[in-house]
Amino acid sequence: TTDVHDHSRIRDHQAAMIATTRAIDLAKRHHHRFH
């Protein structure tokens, strides 16, 4: 692709949601402050 609109399809909602969910789970299980 050469369409910059595809940047938001590559780095999509799911990519953000999966990683944030994962990090918050780690923080809560280890009782570690996380931003």
ModelCIF file with pLDDT and N, C-alpha, C, O atoms, coordinates in Angstrom:
data_MODEL
#
_entry.id   MODEL 
#
_entity.id                         1 
_entity.type                       polymer 
_entity.pdbx_number_of_molecules   1 
#
_entity_poly.entity_id                      1 
_entity_poly.type                           'polypeptide(L)' 
_entity_poly.nstd_linkage                   no 
_entity_poly.nstd_monomer                   no 
_entity_poly.pdbx_seq_one_letter_code       TTDVHDHSRIRDHQAAMIATTRAIDLAKRHHHRFH 
_entity_poly.pdbx_seq_one_letter_code_can   TTDVHDHSRIRDHQAAMIATTRAIDLAKRHHHRFH 
_entity_poly.pdbx_strand_id                 A 
#
loop_
_entity_poly_seq.entity_id 
_entity_poly_seq.num 
_entity_poly_seq.mon_id 
_entity_poly_seq.hetero 
1 1  THR n 
1 2  THR n 
1 3  ASP n 
1 4  VAL n 
1 5  HIS n 
1 6  ASP n 
1 7  HIS n 
1 8  SER n 
1 9  ARG n 
1 10 ILE n 
1 11 ARG n 
1 12 ASP n 
1 13 HIS n 
1 14 GLN n 
1 15 ALA n 
1 16 ALA n 
1 17 MET n 
1 18 ILE n 
1 19 ALA n 
1 20 THR n 
1 21 THR n 
1 22 ARG n 
1 23 ALA n 
1 24 ILE n 
1 25 ASP n 
1 26 LEU n 
1 27 ALA n 
1 28 LYS n 
1 29 ARG n 
1 30 HIS n 
1 31 HIS n 
1 32 HIS n 
1 33 ARG n 
1 34 PHE n 
1 35 HIS n 
#
_struct_asym.id          A 
_struct_asym.entity_id   1 
#
loop_
_ma_qa_metric.id 
_ma_qa_metric.mode 
_ma_qa_metric.name 
_ma_qa_metric.software_group_id 
_ma_qa_metric.type 
1 global pLDDT . pLDDT 
2 local  pLDDT . pLDDT 
#
_ma_qa_metric_global.metric_id      1 
_ma_qa_metric_global.metric_value   97.71 
_ma_qa_metric_global.model_id       1 
_ma_qa_metric_global.ordinal_id     1 
#
loop_
_ma_qa_metric_local.label_asym_id 
_ma_qa_metric_local.label_comp_id 
_ma_qa_metric_local.label_seq_id 
_ma_qa_metric_local.metric_id 
_ma_qa_metric_local.metric_value 
_ma_qa_metric_local.model_id 
_ma_qa_metric_local.ordinal_id 
A THR 1  2 98.00 1 1  
A THR 2  2 98.00 1 2  
A ASP 3  2 98.00 1 3  
A VAL 4  2 98.00 1 4  
A HIS 5  2 98.00 1 5  
A ASP 6  2 98.00 1 6  
A HIS 7  2 98.00 1 7  
A SER 8  2 98.00 1 8  
A ARG 9  2 98.00 1 9  
A ILE 10 2 98.00 1 10 
A ARG 11 2 97.00 1 11 
A ASP 12 2 98.00 1 12 
A HIS 13 2 98.00 1 13 
A GLN 14 2 98.00 1 14 
A ALA 15 2 97.00 1 15 
A ALA 16 2 97.00 1 16 
A MET 17 2 98.00 1 17 
A ILE 18 2 97.00 1 18 
A ALA 19 2 96.00 1 19 
A THR 20 2 97.00 1 20 
A THR 21 2 97.00 1 21 
A ARG 22 2 97.00 1 22 
A ALA 23 2 97.00 1 23 
A ILE 24 2 98.00 1 24 
A ASP 25 2 98.00 1 25 
A LEU 26 2 98.00 1 26 
A ALA 27 2 98.00 1 27 
A LYS 28 2 98.00 1 28 
A ARG 29 2 98.00 1 29 
A HIS 30 2 98.00 1 30 
A HIS 31 2 98.00 1 31 
A HIS 32 2 98.00 1 32 
A ARG 33 2 98.00 1 33 
A PHE 34 2 98.00 1 34 
A HIS 35 2 98.00 1 35 
#
loop_
_atom_site.group_PDB 
_atom_site.id 
_atom_site.type_symbol 
_atom_site.label_atom_id 
_atom_site.label_alt_id 
_atom_site.label_comp_id 
_atom_site.label_asym_id 
_atom_site.label_entity_id 
_atom_site.label_seq_id 
_atom_site.pdbx_PDB_ins_code 
_atom_site.Cartn_x 
_atom_site.Cartn_y 
_atom_site.Cartn_z 
_atom_site.occupancy 
_atom_site.B_iso_or_equiv 
_atom_site.pdbx_formal_charge 
_atom_site.auth_seq_id 
_atom_site.auth_comp_id 
_atom_site.auth_asym_id 
_atom_site.auth_atom_id 
_atom_site.pdbx_PDB_model_num 
ATOM 1   N N  . THR A 1 1  ? 0.826  -1.205 0.000  1.00 98.00 ? 1  THR A N  1 
ATOM 2   C CA . THR A 1 1  ? 0.000  0.000  0.000  1.00 98.00 ? 1  THR A CA 1 
ATOM 3   C C  . THR A 1 1  ? 0.860  1.254  0.000  1.00 98.00 ? 1  THR A C  1 
ATOM 4   O O  . THR A 1 1  ? 1.938  1.290  0.593  1.00 98.00 ? 1  THR A O  1 
ATOM 5   N N  . THR A 1 2  ? 0.365  2.274  -0.672 1.00 98.00 ? 2  THR A N  1 
ATOM 6   C CA . THR A 1 2  ? 0.981  3.605  -0.623 1.00 98.00 ? 2  THR A CA 1 
ATOM 7   C C  . THR A 1 2  ? -0.022 4.642  -0.127 1.00 98.00 ? 2  THR A C  1 
ATOM 8   O O  . THR A 1 2  ? 0.191  5.845  -0.284 1.00 98.00 ? 2  THR A O  1 
ATOM 9   N N  . ASP A 1 3  ? -1.104 4.176  0.466  1.00 98.00 ? 3  ASP A N  1 
ATOM 10  C CA . ASP A 1 3  ? -2.186 5.038  0.955  1.00 98.00 ? 3  ASP A CA 1 
ATOM 11  C C  . ASP A 1 3  ? -2.021 5.257  2.451  1.00 98.00 ? 3  ASP A C  1 
ATOM 12  O O  . ASP A 1 3  ? -2.098 4.303  3.226  1.00 98.00 ? 3  ASP A O  1 
ATOM 13  N N  . VAL A 1 4  ? -1.796 6.495  2.868  1.00 98.00 ? 4  VAL A N  1 
ATOM 14  C CA . VAL A 1 4  ? -1.583 6.775  4.289  1.00 98.00 ? 4  VAL A CA 1 
ATOM 15  C C  . VAL A 1 4  ? -2.806 6.430  5.133  1.00 98.00 ? 4  VAL A C  1 
ATOM 16  O O  . VAL A 1 4  ? -2.676 6.176  6.330  1.00 98.00 ? 4  VAL A O  1 
ATOM 17  N N  . HIS A 1 5  ? -3.994 6.418  4.525  1.00 98.00 ? 5  HIS A N  1 
ATOM 18  C CA . HIS A 1 5  ? -5.177 5.977  5.272  1.00 98.00 ? 5  HIS A CA 1 
ATOM 19  C C  . HIS A 1 5  ? -4.988 4.569  5.842  1.00 98.00 ? 5  HIS A C  1 
ATOM 20  O O  . HIS A 1 5  ? -5.553 4.227  6.881  1.00 98.00 ? 5  HIS A O  1 
ATOM 21  N N  . ASP A 1 6  ? -4.183 3.756  5.143  1.00 98.00 ? 6  ASP A N  1 
ATOM 22  C CA . ASP A 1 6  ? -3.969 2.376  5.593  1.00 98.00 ? 6  ASP A CA 1 
ATOM 23  C C  . ASP A 1 6  ? -3.132 2.313  6.863  1.00 98.00 ? 6  ASP A C  1 
ATOM 24  O O  . ASP A 1 6  ? -3.092 1.273  7.520  1.00 98.00 ? 6  ASP A O  1 
ATOM 25  N N  . HIS A 1 7  ? -2.466 3.402  7.220  1.00 98.00 ? 7  HIS A N  1 
ATOM 26  C CA . HIS A 1 7  ? -1.718 3.402  8.475  1.00 98.00 ? 7  HIS A CA 1 
ATOM 27  C C  . HIS A 1 7  ? -2.647 3.124  9.652  1.00 98.00 ? 7  HIS A C  1 
ATOM 28  O O  . HIS A 1 7  ? -2.268 2.439  10.601 1.00 98.00 ? 7  HIS A O  1 
ATOM 29  N N  . SER A 1 8  ? -3.856 3.656  9.586  1.00 98.00 ? 8  SER A N  1 
ATOM 30  C CA . SER A 1 8  ? -4.821 3.437  10.665 1.00 98.00 ? 8  SER A CA 1 
ATOM 31  C C  . SER A 1 8  ? -5.505 2.078  10.555 1.00 98.00 ? 8  SER A C  1 
ATOM 32  O O  . SER A 1 8  ? -6.162 1.636  11.497 1.00 98.00 ? 8  SER A O  1 
ATOM 33  N N  . ARG A 1 9  ? -5.357 1.425  9.429  1.00 98.00 ? 9  ARG A N  1 
ATOM 34  C CA . ARG A 1 9  ? -5.868 0.049  9.283  1.00 98.00 ? 9  ARG A CA 1 
ATOM 35  C C  . ARG A 1 9  ? -4.804 -0.957 9.731  1.00 98.00 ? 9  ARG A C  1 
ATOM 36  O O  . ARG A 1 9  ? -5.137 -2.032 10.229 1.00 98.00 ? 9  ARG A O  1 
ATOM 37  N N  . ILE A 1 10 ? -3.535 -0.610 9.556  1.00 98.00 ? 10 ILE A N  1 
ATOM 38  C CA . ILE A 1 10 ? -2.439 -1.467 10.023 1.00 98.00 ? 10 ILE A CA 1 
ATOM 39  C C  . ILE A 1 10 ? -2.332 -1.391 11.542 1.00 98.00 ? 10 ILE A C  1 
ATOM 40  O O  . ILE A 1 10 ? -2.303 -2.411 12.230 1.00 98.00 ? 10 ILE A O  1 
ATOM 41  N N  . ARG A 1 11 ? -2.273 -0.171 12.046 1.00 97.00 ? 11 ARG A N  1 
ATOM 42  C CA . ARG A 1 11 ? -2.229 0.052  13.503 1.00 97.00 ? 11 ARG A CA 1 
ATOM 43  C C  . ARG A 1 11 ? -3.656 0.358  13.953 1.00 97.00 ? 11 ARG A C  1 
ATOM 44  O O  . ARG A 1 11 ? -4.005 1.502  14.246 1.00 97.00 ? 11 ARG A O  1 
ATOM 45  N N  . ASP A 1 12 ? -4.465 -0.694 13.999 1.00 98.00 ? 12 ASP A N  1 
ATOM 46  C CA . ASP A 1 12 ? -5.904 -0.524 14.138 1.00 98.00 ? 12 ASP A CA 1 
ATOM 47  C C  . ASP A 1 12 ? -6.350 -0.535 15.602 1.00 98.00 ? 12 ASP A C  1 
ATOM 48  O O  . ASP A 1 12 ? -5.533 -0.623 16.519 1.00 98.00 ? 12 ASP A O  1 
ATOM 49  N N  . HIS A 1 13 ? -7.654 -0.445 15.793 1.00 98.00 ? 13 HIS A N  1 
ATOM 50  C CA . HIS A 1 13 ? -8.225 -0.454 17.144 1.00 98.00 ? 13 HIS A CA 1 
ATOM 51  C C  . HIS A 1 13 ? -7.829 -1.712 17.907 1.00 98.00 ? 13 HIS A C  1 
ATOM 52  O O  . HIS A 1 13 ? -7.514 -1.654 19.096 1.00 98.00 ? 13 HIS A O  1 
ATOM 53  N N  . GLN A 1 14 ? -7.845 -2.838 17.220 1.00 98.00 ? 14 GLN A N  1 
ATOM 54  C CA . GLN A 1 14 ? -7.554 -4.112 17.882 1.00 98.00 ? 14 GLN A CA 1 
ATOM 55  C C  . GLN A 1 14 ? -6.122 -4.141 18.404 1.00 98.00 ? 14 GLN A C  1 
ATOM 56  O O  . GLN A 1 14 ? -5.878 -4.629 19.507 1.00 98.00 ? 14 GLN A O  1 
ATOM 57  N N  . ALA A 1 15 ? -5.165 -3.620 17.621 1.00 97.00 ? 15 ALA A N  1 
ATOM 58  C CA . ALA A 1 15 ? -3.766 -3.622 18.059 1.00 97.00 ? 15 ALA A CA 1 
ATOM 59  C C  . ALA A 1 15 ? -3.611 -2.847 19.367 1.00 97.00 ? 15 ALA A C  1 
ATOM 60  O O  . ALA A 1 15 ? -2.921 -3.292 20.284 1.00 97.00 ? 15 ALA A O  1 
ATOM 61  N N  . ALA A 1 16 ? -4.256 -1.688 19.442 1.00 97.00 ? 16 ALA A N  1 
ATOM 62  C CA . ALA A 1 16 ? -4.175 -0.889 20.664 1.00 97.00 ? 16 ALA A CA 1 
ATOM 63  C C  . ALA A 1 16 ? -4.864 -1.591 21.822 1.00 97.00 ? 16 ALA A C  1 
ATOM 64  O O  . ALA A 1 16 ? -4.322 -1.654 22.925 1.00 97.00 ? 16 ALA A O  1 
ATOM 65  N N  . MET A 1 17 ? -6.037 -2.109 21.580 1.00 98.00 ? 17 MET A N  1 
ATOM 66  C CA . MET A 1 17 ? -6.842 -2.697 22.652 1.00 98.00 ? 17 MET A CA 1 
ATOM 67  C C  . MET A 1 17 ? -6.176 -3.949 23.238 1.00 98.00 ? 17 MET A C  1 
ATOM 68  O O  . MET A 1 17 ? -6.169 -4.133 24.455 1.00 98.00 ? 17 MET A O  1 
ATOM 69  N N  . ILE A 1 18 ? -5.621 -4.805 22.381 1.00 97.00 ? 18 ILE A N  1 
ATOM 70  C CA . ILE A 1 18 ? -4.971 -6.034 22.856 1.00 97.00 ? 18 ILE A CA 1 
ATOM 71  C C  . ILE A 1 18 ? -3.796 -5.693 23.768 1.00 97.00 ? 18 ILE A C  1 
ATOM 72  O O  . ILE A 1 18 ? -3.660 -6.262 24.851 1.00 97.00 ? 18 ILE A O  1 
ATOM 73  N N  . ALA A 1 19 ? -2.944 -4.757 23.325 1.00 96.00 ? 19 ALA A N  1 
ATOM 74  C CA . ALA A 1 19 ? -1.738 -4.441 24.097 1.00 96.00 ? 19 ALA A CA 1 
ATOM 75  C C  . ALA A 1 19 ? -2.072 -3.727 25.397 1.00 96.00 ? 19 ALA A C  1 
ATOM 76  O O  . ALA A 1 19 ? -1.457 -4.010 26.425 1.00 96.00 ? 19 ALA A O  1 
ATOM 77  N N  . THR A 1 20 ? -3.029 -2.811 25.375 1.00 97.00 ? 20 THR A N  1 
ATOM 78  C CA . THR A 1 20 ? -3.405 -2.105 26.599 1.00 97.00 ? 20 THR A CA 1 
ATOM 79  C C  . THR A 1 20 ? -4.041 -3.054 27.600 1.00 97.00 ? 20 THR A C  1 
ATOM 80  O O  . THR A 1 20 ? -3.762 -2.974 28.796 1.00 97.00 ? 20 THR A O  1 
ATOM 81  N N  . THR A 1 21 ? -4.891 -3.948 27.123 1.00 97.00 ? 21 THR A N  1 
ATOM 82  C CA . THR A 1 21 ? -5.496 -4.947 28.006 1.00 97.00 ? 21 THR A CA 1 
ATOM 83  C C  . THR A 1 21 ? -4.423 -5.828 28.644 1.00 97.00 ? 21 THR A C  1 
ATOM 84  O O  . THR A 1 21 ? -4.480 -6.132 29.835 1.00 97.00 ? 21 THR A O  1 
ATOM 85  N N  . ARG A 1 22 ? -3.468 -6.221 27.853 1.00 97.00 ? 22 ARG A N  1 
ATOM 86  C CA . ARG A 1 22 ? -2.370 -7.069 28.329 1.00 97.00 ? 22 ARG A CA 1 
ATOM 87  C C  . ARG A 1 22 ? -1.561 -6.368 29.406 1.00 97.00 ? 22 ARG A C  1 
ATOM 88  O O  . ARG A 1 22 ? -1.243 -6.963 30.436 1.00 97.00 ? 22 ARG A O  1 
ATOM 89  N N  . ALA A 1 23 ? -1.225 -5.101 29.171 1.00 97.00 ? 23 ALA A N  1 
ATOM 90  C CA . ALA A 1 23 ? -0.403 -4.360 30.127 1.00 97.00 ? 23 ALA A CA 1 
ATOM 91  C C  . ALA A 1 23 ? -1.148 -4.114 31.436 1.00 97.00 ? 23 ALA A C  1 
ATOM 92  O O  . ALA A 1 23 ? -0.565 -4.238 32.514 1.00 97.00 ? 23 ALA A O  1 
ATOM 93  N N  . ILE A 1 24 ? -2.419 -3.770 31.351 1.00 98.00 ? 24 ILE A N  1 
ATOM 94  C CA . ILE A 1 24 ? -3.201 -3.539 32.569 1.00 98.00 ? 24 ILE A CA 1 
ATOM 95  C C  . ILE A 1 24 ? -3.348 -4.824 33.371 1.00 98.00 ? 24 ILE A C  1 
ATOM 96  O O  . ILE A 1 24 ? -3.319 -4.797 34.602 1.00 98.00 ? 24 ILE A O  1 
ATOM 97  N N  . ASP A 1 25 ? -3.505 -5.949 32.681 1.00 98.00 ? 25 ASP A N  1 
ATOM 98  C CA . ASP A 1 25 ? -3.560 -7.241 33.382 1.00 98.00 ? 25 ASP A CA 1 
ATOM 99  C C  . ASP A 1 25 ? -2.260 -7.508 34.139 1.00 98.00 ? 25 ASP A C  1 
ATOM 100 O O  . ASP A 1 25 ? -2.284 -7.952 35.287 1.00 98.00 ? 25 ASP A O  1 
ATOM 101 N N  . LEU A 1 26 ? -1.133 -7.236 33.494 1.00 98.00 ? 26 LEU A N  1 
ATOM 102 C CA . LEU A 1 26 ? 0.159  -7.417 34.156 1.00 98.00 ? 26 LEU A CA 1 
ATOM 103 C C  . LEU A 1 26 ? 0.271  -6.518 35.387 1.00 98.00 ? 26 LEU A C  1 
ATOM 104 O O  . LEU A 1 26 ? 0.707  -6.958 36.451 1.00 98.00 ? 26 LEU A O  1 
ATOM 105 N N  . ALA A 1 27 ? -0.123 -5.268 35.232 1.00 98.00 ? 27 ALA A N  1 
ATOM 106 C CA . ALA A 1 27 ? -0.024 -4.318 36.346 1.00 98.00 ? 27 ALA A CA 1 
ATOM 107 C C  . ALA A 1 27 ? -0.868 -4.758 37.534 1.00 98.00 ? 27 ALA A C  1 
ATOM 108 O O  . ALA A 1 27 ? -0.426 -4.685 38.681 1.00 98.00 ? 27 ALA A O  1 
ATOM 109 N N  . LYS A 1 28 ? -2.064 -5.208 37.259 1.00 98.00 ? 28 LYS A N  1 
ATOM 110 C CA . LYS A 1 28 ? -2.955 -5.603 38.364 1.00 98.00 ? 28 LYS A CA 1 
ATOM 111 C C  . LYS A 1 28 ? -2.487 -6.889 39.031 1.00 98.00 ? 28 LYS A C  1 
ATOM 112 O O  . LYS A 1 28 ? -2.542 -7.008 40.255 1.00 98.00 ? 28 LYS A O  1 
ATOM 113 N N  . ARG A 1 29 ? -2.026 -7.858 38.233 1.00 98.00 ? 29 ARG A N  1 
ATOM 114 C CA . ARG A 1 29 ? -1.576 -9.113 38.843 1.00 98.00 ? 29 ARG A CA 1 
ATOM 115 C C  . ARG A 1 29 ? -0.331 -8.919 39.696 1.00 98.00 ? 29 ARG A C  1 
ATOM 116 O O  . ARG A 1 29 ? -0.162 -9.583 40.719 1.00 98.00 ? 29 ARG A O  1 
ATOM 117 N N  . HIS A 1 30 ? 0.542  -8.003 39.272 1.00 98.00 ? 30 HIS A N  1 
ATOM 118 C CA . HIS A 1 30 ? 1.786  -7.767 40.006 1.00 98.00 ? 30 HIS A CA 1 
ATOM 119 C C  . HIS A 1 30 ? 1.696  -6.548 40.939 1.00 98.00 ? 30 HIS A C  1 
ATOM 120 O O  . HIS A 1 30 ? 2.676  -6.174 41.583 1.00 98.00 ? 30 HIS A O  1 
ATOM 121 N N  . HIS A 1 31 ? 0.517  -5.944 40.998 1.00 98.00 ? 31 HIS A N  1 
ATOM 122 C CA . HIS A 1 31 ? 0.273  -4.765 41.837 1.00 98.00 ? 31 HIS A CA 1 
ATOM 123 C C  . HIS A 1 31 ? 1.356  -3.712 41.602 1.00 98.00 ? 31 HIS A C  1 
ATOM 124 O O  . HIS A 1 31 ? 2.049  -3.282 42.525 1.00 98.00 ? 31 HIS A O  1 
ATOM 125 N N  . HIS A 1 32 ? 1.477  -3.313 40.335 1.00 98.00 ? 32 HIS A N  1 
ATOM 126 C CA . HIS A 1 32 ? 2.551  -2.406 39.904 1.00 98.00 ? 32 HIS A CA 1 
ATOM 127 C C  . HIS A 1 32 ? 1.933  -1.192 39.223 1.00 98.00 ? 32 HIS A C  1 
ATOM 128 O O  . HIS A 1 32 ? 1.129  -1.345 38.303 1.00 98.00 ? 32 HIS A O  1 
ATOM 129 N N  . ARG A 1 33 ? 2.293  0.004  39.657 1.00 98.00 ? 33 ARG A N  1 
ATOM 130 C CA . ARG A 1 33 ? 1.783  1.228  39.050 1.00 98.00 ? 33 ARG A CA 1 
ATOM 131 C C  . ARG A 1 33 ? 2.110  1.276  37.558 1.00 98.00 ? 33 ARG A C  1 
ATOM 132 O O  . ARG A 1 33 ? 3.229  0.976  37.140 1.00 98.00 ? 33 ARG A O  1 
ATOM 133 N N  . PHE A 1 34 ? 1.095  1.666  36.758 1.00 98.00 ? 34 PHE A N  1 
ATOM 134 C CA . PHE A 1 34 ? 1.256  1.635  35.305 1.00 98.00 ? 34 PHE A CA 1 
ATOM 135 C C  . PHE A 1 34 ? 0.494  2.789  34.670 1.00 98.00 ? 34 PHE A C  1 
ATOM 136 O O  . PHE A 1 34 ? -0.660 3.053  35.007 1.00 98.00 ? 34 PHE A O  1 
ATOM 137 N N  . HIS A 1 35 ? 1.161  3.471  33.747 1.00 98.00 ? 35 HIS A N  1 
ATOM 138 C CA . HIS A 1 35 ? 0.598  4.629  33.045 1.00 98.00 ? 35 HIS A CA 1 
ATOM 139 C C  . HIS A 1 35 ? 0.454  4.287  31.570 1.00 98.00 ? 35 HIS A C  1 
ATOM 140 O O  . HIS A 1 35 ? -0.002 5.119  30.785 1.00 98.00 ? 35 HIS A O  1 
#
